[in-house]
Protein backbone atom coordinates (compact mmCIF):
# COMPACT_ATOMS: atom_id res chain seq x y z
CA MET A 1 84.63 193.82 72.34
CA ASN A 2 81.27 195.10 73.55
CA ASN A 3 80.17 191.60 74.55
CA GLY A 4 83.31 191.19 76.64
CA ASN A 5 82.75 194.53 78.36
CA ASP A 6 79.13 193.62 79.01
CA GLN A 7 80.16 190.32 80.59
CA PHE A 8 82.73 192.01 82.83
CA LEU A 9 80.16 194.59 83.94
CA LEU A 10 77.63 191.85 84.65
CA SER A 11 80.25 189.86 86.57
CA MET A 12 81.17 192.93 88.62
CA VAL A 13 77.51 193.57 89.44
CA ILE A 14 77.05 190.01 90.74
CA ILE A 15 80.25 190.21 92.81
CA ILE A 16 79.14 193.53 94.31
CA LEU A 17 75.71 192.02 95.01
CA GLY A 18 77.32 189.19 96.98
CA TYR A 19 79.43 191.70 98.91
CA LEU A 20 76.40 193.87 99.76
CA LEU A 21 74.29 190.87 100.78
CA ARG A 22 76.96 189.93 103.31
CA LYS A 23 77.28 193.51 104.52
CA ILE A 24 73.56 193.72 105.32
CA ASN A 25 73.62 190.21 106.84
CA LEU A 26 71.25 188.59 104.36
CA ILE A 27 74.11 186.22 103.63
CA LYS A 28 76.69 185.44 106.30
CA GLU A 29 80.24 184.23 105.83
CA GLN A 30 79.18 180.84 107.21
CA ASP A 31 76.67 180.64 104.35
CA GLY A 32 79.58 181.25 101.99
CA GLU A 33 81.23 178.06 103.25
CA SER A 34 78.12 176.06 102.35
CA LEU A 35 77.93 177.77 98.97
CA SER A 36 81.61 176.98 98.40
CA ARG A 37 81.04 173.28 99.08
CA LEU A 38 78.08 173.30 96.68
CA ILE A 39 80.20 174.84 93.92
CA PHE A 40 83.31 172.70 94.35
CA ASN A 41 81.46 169.44 94.87
CA ILE A 42 78.51 169.78 92.45
CA THR A 43 78.30 172.64 89.94
CA LEU A 44 82.01 172.86 89.07
CA PRO A 45 82.44 169.08 88.59
CA ALA A 46 79.27 169.10 86.47
CA LEU A 47 80.71 171.86 84.28
CA ILE A 48 84.00 169.97 83.97
CA ILE A 49 82.34 166.68 83.02
CA ASN A 50 80.06 168.37 80.50
CA THR A 51 82.94 170.27 78.88
CA PHE A 52 85.44 167.41 78.77
CA ASN A 53 82.80 164.99 77.53
CA THR A 54 83.24 166.25 73.96
CA ILE A 55 86.87 167.37 74.14
CA THR A 56 89.38 166.26 71.53
CA ILE A 57 92.80 165.92 73.11
CA ASP A 58 95.67 167.41 71.12
CA PHE A 59 99.26 168.38 71.88
CA SER A 60 98.46 172.03 72.64
CA LEU A 61 95.97 171.05 75.36
CA ILE A 62 98.41 168.63 76.98
CA LEU A 63 101.10 171.31 76.79
CA ILE A 64 98.84 173.71 78.73
CA THR A 65 98.69 171.23 81.62
CA ILE A 66 102.45 170.71 81.54
CA ILE A 67 103.05 174.48 81.54
CA GLY A 68 100.70 174.84 84.51
CA ILE A 69 102.74 172.33 86.52
CA VAL A 70 106.18 173.58 85.46
CA TYR A 71 105.29 177.23 86.03
CA GLY A 72 103.86 176.45 89.47
CA VAL A 73 106.98 174.56 90.55
CA PHE A 74 109.20 177.30 89.11
CA MET A 75 107.33 180.05 90.96
CA ALA A 76 107.42 178.05 94.18
CA LEU A 77 111.21 177.85 93.95
CA VAL A 78 111.43 181.55 93.08
CA GLY A 79 109.29 182.40 96.10
CA VAL A 80 111.42 180.33 98.49
CA VAL A 81 114.56 182.04 97.19
CA VAL A 82 113.16 185.60 97.10
CA PHE A 83 111.85 185.36 100.69
CA LYS A 84 114.92 183.56 102.08
CA ASN A 85 115.79 186.47 104.42
CA GLU A 86 112.40 186.36 106.16
CA ASP A 87 111.87 184.36 109.32
CA ARG A 88 110.83 180.74 108.77
CA ALA A 89 107.07 181.20 109.26
CA THR A 90 106.89 184.35 107.13
CA ARG A 91 108.96 182.70 104.42
CA GLY A 92 106.56 179.78 104.28
CA MET A 93 103.46 181.98 104.31
CA LEU A 94 104.66 184.27 101.52
CA SER A 95 106.09 181.45 99.40
CA MET A 96 102.85 179.43 99.43
CA LEU A 97 100.99 182.46 98.01
CA VAL A 98 103.07 182.63 94.83
CA PRO A 99 102.67 179.45 92.70
CA SER A 100 98.96 178.78 92.12
CA PHE A 101 95.76 180.37 90.80
CA ASN A 102 92.02 180.62 91.39
CA ILE A 103 90.47 179.11 88.26
CA GLY A 104 87.32 177.34 89.47
CA LEU A 105 85.72 180.30 91.22
CA PHE A 106 87.28 183.24 89.41
CA ALA A 107 88.30 182.34 85.86
CA TYR A 108 85.54 179.95 84.86
CA PRO A 109 82.62 182.40 85.18
CA ILE A 110 84.38 185.04 83.06
CA VAL A 111 85.82 182.59 80.54
CA GLU A 112 82.51 180.79 80.11
CA ALA A 113 80.65 184.06 79.58
CA ILE A 114 83.06 185.28 76.88
CA TRP A 115 84.30 182.12 75.13
CA GLY A 116 81.81 179.45 76.20
CA GLN A 117 82.82 175.79 76.47
CA GLU A 118 85.76 176.32 74.13
CA GLY A 119 87.34 178.60 76.72
CA ILE A 120 86.47 176.23 79.58
CA LYS A 121 88.24 173.43 77.70
CA TYR A 122 91.53 175.34 77.59
CA PHE A 123 91.37 176.76 81.10
CA GLY A 124 90.28 173.34 82.36
CA MET A 125 93.47 171.80 81.04
CA PHE A 126 95.44 174.58 82.70
CA ASP A 127 93.60 173.90 85.95
CA VAL A 128 94.57 170.22 85.89
CA GLY A 129 98.20 171.24 86.34
CA ASN A 130 97.25 174.11 88.64
CA SER A 131 95.30 171.78 90.96
CA LEU A 132 98.35 169.57 91.40
CA VAL A 133 100.33 172.69 92.34
CA ILE A 134 97.68 173.92 94.80
CA PHE A 135 97.19 170.64 96.66
CA GLY A 136 100.74 169.40 96.23
CA VAL A 137 103.40 172.11 95.91
CA SER A 138 101.68 174.90 97.87
CA TYR A 139 100.60 172.50 100.61
CA ILE A 140 104.13 171.10 100.97
CA ILE A 141 105.60 174.62 101.23
CA ALA A 142 103.01 175.67 103.79
CA GLY A 143 103.63 172.60 105.92
CA TYR A 144 107.42 172.52 105.63
CA PHE A 145 107.97 176.08 106.85
CA SER A 146 105.28 176.06 109.53
CA SER A 147 106.24 175.84 113.19
CA ASP A 148 104.67 172.40 113.37
CA SER A 149 105.25 170.32 110.25
CA SER A 150 105.03 166.91 111.93
CA ASP A 151 101.84 166.03 110.05
CA LEU A 152 103.37 166.74 106.64
CA SER A 153 103.91 163.48 104.76
CA PHE A 154 103.32 161.85 101.41
CA THR A 155 100.09 160.46 102.78
CA SER A 156 98.79 163.87 103.85
CA VAL A 157 99.65 165.41 100.46
CA LEU A 158 98.03 162.51 98.60
CA SER A 159 94.99 162.85 100.83
CA LYS A 160 94.67 166.52 99.82
CA LEU A 161 94.80 165.57 96.15
CA LEU A 162 92.26 162.75 96.50
CA LYS A 163 89.84 164.97 98.43
CA SER A 164 89.69 167.51 95.60
CA VAL A 165 86.46 166.70 93.77
CA PRO A 166 87.27 169.08 90.86
CA LEU A 167 90.70 167.47 90.38
CA LEU A 168 89.19 163.97 90.42
CA SER A 169 86.54 165.17 87.95
CA TYR A 170 89.27 166.48 85.64
CA LEU A 171 91.22 163.23 85.78
CA ILE A 172 88.19 160.99 85.25
CA ALA A 173 86.67 163.10 82.44
CA PHE A 174 90.05 163.53 80.75
CA SER A 175 90.85 159.81 80.95
CA LEU A 176 87.47 158.78 79.56
CA SER A 177 87.74 161.29 76.74
CA ALA A 178 91.27 160.13 75.91
CA ILE A 179 90.09 156.55 75.40
CA GLY A 180 87.01 157.62 73.47
CA VAL A 181 84.36 157.01 76.15
CA HIS A 182 81.67 159.70 76.37
CA PHE A 183 78.65 160.24 78.59
CA SER A 184 75.22 160.51 77.03
CA GLY A 185 71.55 160.86 77.89
CA ILE A 186 70.57 161.81 81.42
CA VAL A 187 74.19 162.31 82.57
CA VAL A 188 74.78 164.99 79.93
CA ASP A 189 71.40 166.61 80.62
CA CYS A 190 72.07 166.79 84.37
CA THR A 191 75.61 168.11 84.03
CA GLN A 192 74.44 170.77 81.57
CA ILE A 193 71.77 172.03 83.97
CA LEU A 194 74.02 171.95 87.04
CA GLY A 195 76.95 173.43 85.11
CA ARG A 196 74.92 176.51 84.16
CA ALA A 197 74.61 177.38 87.86
CA ASN A 198 78.38 177.52 88.33
CA MET A 199 78.91 181.00 86.88
CA PRO A 200 76.40 183.02 88.96
CA LEU A 201 77.09 181.07 92.15
CA SER A 202 80.86 181.47 91.81
CA LEU A 203 80.65 185.23 91.21
CA LEU A 204 78.23 185.62 94.11
CA LEU A 205 80.60 183.70 96.39
CA LEU A 206 83.54 185.93 95.39
CA GLY A 207 81.51 188.91 96.60
CA VAL A 208 80.52 187.19 99.83
CA TYR A 209 84.16 186.46 100.62
CA LEU A 210 85.47 189.94 99.73
CA ASN A 211 86.94 191.39 102.90
CA PHE A 212 89.82 193.81 103.41
CA SER A 213 91.95 194.58 106.45
CA LEU A 214 94.76 196.85 105.29
CA GLU A 215 97.22 197.28 108.13
CA SER A 216 100.42 199.25 107.70
CA ASN A 217 102.62 196.34 108.77
CA TYR A 218 101.11 194.23 105.96
CA LEU A 219 102.00 196.58 103.11
CA LYS A 220 105.65 195.60 102.58
CA ASN A 221 105.04 191.87 102.35
CA MET A 222 101.89 192.40 100.27
CA ALA A 223 103.85 194.48 97.79
CA LYS A 224 106.52 191.77 97.51
CA VAL A 225 104.01 188.98 96.85
CA LEU A 226 101.92 191.00 94.39
CA ALA A 227 104.96 192.23 92.47
CA LEU A 228 106.36 188.71 92.19
CA ARG A 229 103.09 187.17 91.04
CA TYR A 230 102.03 189.83 88.55
CA LEU A 231 105.36 190.99 87.10
CA VAL A 232 106.58 187.45 86.42
CA GLY A 233 103.12 186.32 85.30
CA LEU A 234 102.75 189.24 82.89
CA ALA A 235 106.26 188.75 81.48
CA VAL A 236 105.89 185.00 80.93
CA GLY A 237 102.28 185.22 79.74
CA THR A 238 103.06 187.97 77.23
CA THR A 239 106.02 185.97 75.93
CA PHE A 240 103.83 182.89 75.44
CA PHE A 241 101.15 185.00 73.77
CA PHE A 242 103.46 186.26 71.06
CA ILE A 243 105.81 183.31 70.46
CA MET A 244 103.72 180.14 70.88
CA PRO A 245 102.64 178.67 67.50
CA PHE A 246 99.11 177.76 68.56
CA ASP A 247 95.64 179.25 68.20
CA ARG A 248 94.57 182.44 69.97
CA MET A 249 92.59 180.59 72.64
CA PHE A 250 95.82 178.90 73.73
CA LYS A 251 97.54 182.29 73.79
CA TYR A 252 94.76 183.89 75.85
CA THR A 253 94.85 180.98 78.29
CA MET A 254 98.55 181.53 78.90
CA LEU A 255 98.33 185.32 79.17
CA ILE A 256 95.23 185.44 81.36
CA GLY A 257 95.94 182.24 83.28
CA LEU A 258 99.20 183.57 84.72
CA LEU A 259 97.46 186.74 85.97
CA LEU A 260 94.68 185.03 87.91
CA PRO A 261 94.26 185.61 91.68
CA MET A 262 95.38 183.35 94.51
CA PRO A 263 93.27 180.25 95.22
CA THR A 264 91.06 180.21 98.30
CA ALA A 265 92.87 177.06 99.43
CA VAL A 266 95.74 179.21 100.76
CA ILE A 267 93.38 180.59 103.39
CA GLN A 268 92.66 177.05 104.55
CA TYR A 269 96.41 176.37 104.69
CA ALA A 270 96.92 179.53 106.77
CA ILE A 271 94.41 178.16 109.28
CA GLU A 272 95.84 174.62 109.24
CA PHE A 273 99.46 175.69 109.69
CA ASP A 274 98.86 178.69 111.96
CA TYR A 275 99.92 181.50 109.62
CA ASP A 276 98.50 185.04 109.69
CA GLN A 277 94.97 184.37 108.43
CA LYS A 278 94.06 188.05 108.18
CA PHE A 279 97.09 188.81 106.01
CA VAL A 280 96.47 185.83 103.72
CA GLY A 281 92.77 186.64 103.39
CA THR A 282 93.42 190.30 102.63
CA VAL A 283 96.10 189.72 100.00
CA THR A 284 93.96 187.01 98.39
CA ASN A 285 91.07 189.45 98.06
CA ILE A 286 93.34 192.16 96.66
CA THR A 287 94.44 189.76 93.92
CA ILE A 288 90.79 189.19 92.99
CA LEU A 289 90.33 192.89 92.29
CA LEU A 290 93.70 193.31 90.57
CA SER A 291 93.17 190.29 88.34
CA PHE A 292 89.62 191.30 87.49
CA PHE A 293 90.64 194.70 86.15
CA LEU A 294 93.87 193.50 84.51
CA ILE A 295 91.98 190.82 82.58
CA TRP A 296 89.24 193.31 81.68
CA ILE A 297 91.92 195.58 80.18
CA ILE A 298 93.47 192.70 78.24
CA ILE A 299 90.14 191.53 76.82
CA SER A 300 89.26 195.11 75.86
CA MET A 301 92.46 195.80 73.92
CA PRO A 302 91.41 195.98 70.25
CA ASN A 303 94.65 194.57 68.82
CA MET A 304 94.46 191.42 70.95
CA LEU A 305 90.81 190.49 70.58
CA MET A 306 89.74 187.16 69.25
CA PRO A 307 87.72 187.28 66.03
């Protein structure tokens, strides 16, 4: 798929550009925080609203959301069991890195470039379930195993969910679409324009945030987390790809979705609950590179390409 290869090369160039701009101090990491707020609060919600405005809900799309939730809960339990011999803080830190994925910043730019709004529709439904895992399951794990979990409560978890503008955008757009209500006129025009900015801004931000600090004492735990995420994700995703009786976009969503990198929210949780921020940041960035090249390989395989 020449077009797919072209899009991956273009995406890589923009990511590298963001990385170089930070290295030469034209963009600072503090600027990345502002850019992140712009994406999550404006361009990503605009893309979601515009995509879901014309969506037709069917069983396969609902199933994608259910799979996203069930898989996230399953992986959370697997992580807690696999890391049971670690000390409490390490167990919590490693376990919170396993269940969820970076879809808004990482997957959407690539998916939109290759499959357009059709791809966004499928990955958006996956992200509905994934968002509940990020702000619910992962947050609970991070808080429960931290040295100070006194602030962890139903209210604090609910607050995390309600503060997620993308999640609220999903729920509102999905609900309106389900009852047959659609936006029109200036709302559609505005969301289309703002949504187009999501892809380049997201890729640029990934480059700005790329930062590696490989220390020898990190390698063992990094290997455990990466092996658990990618081996299980590849096994389950491949199984779904070949046995699920749905269209190929559904199959690609399952295969690629379970190989996506860690969400940036885990870095915020590391700060909030006093985990090793450098470790979490480094392993998160490694998953960005691993996922990028794994997905590039999958998209480039001739026998698995979409027509």
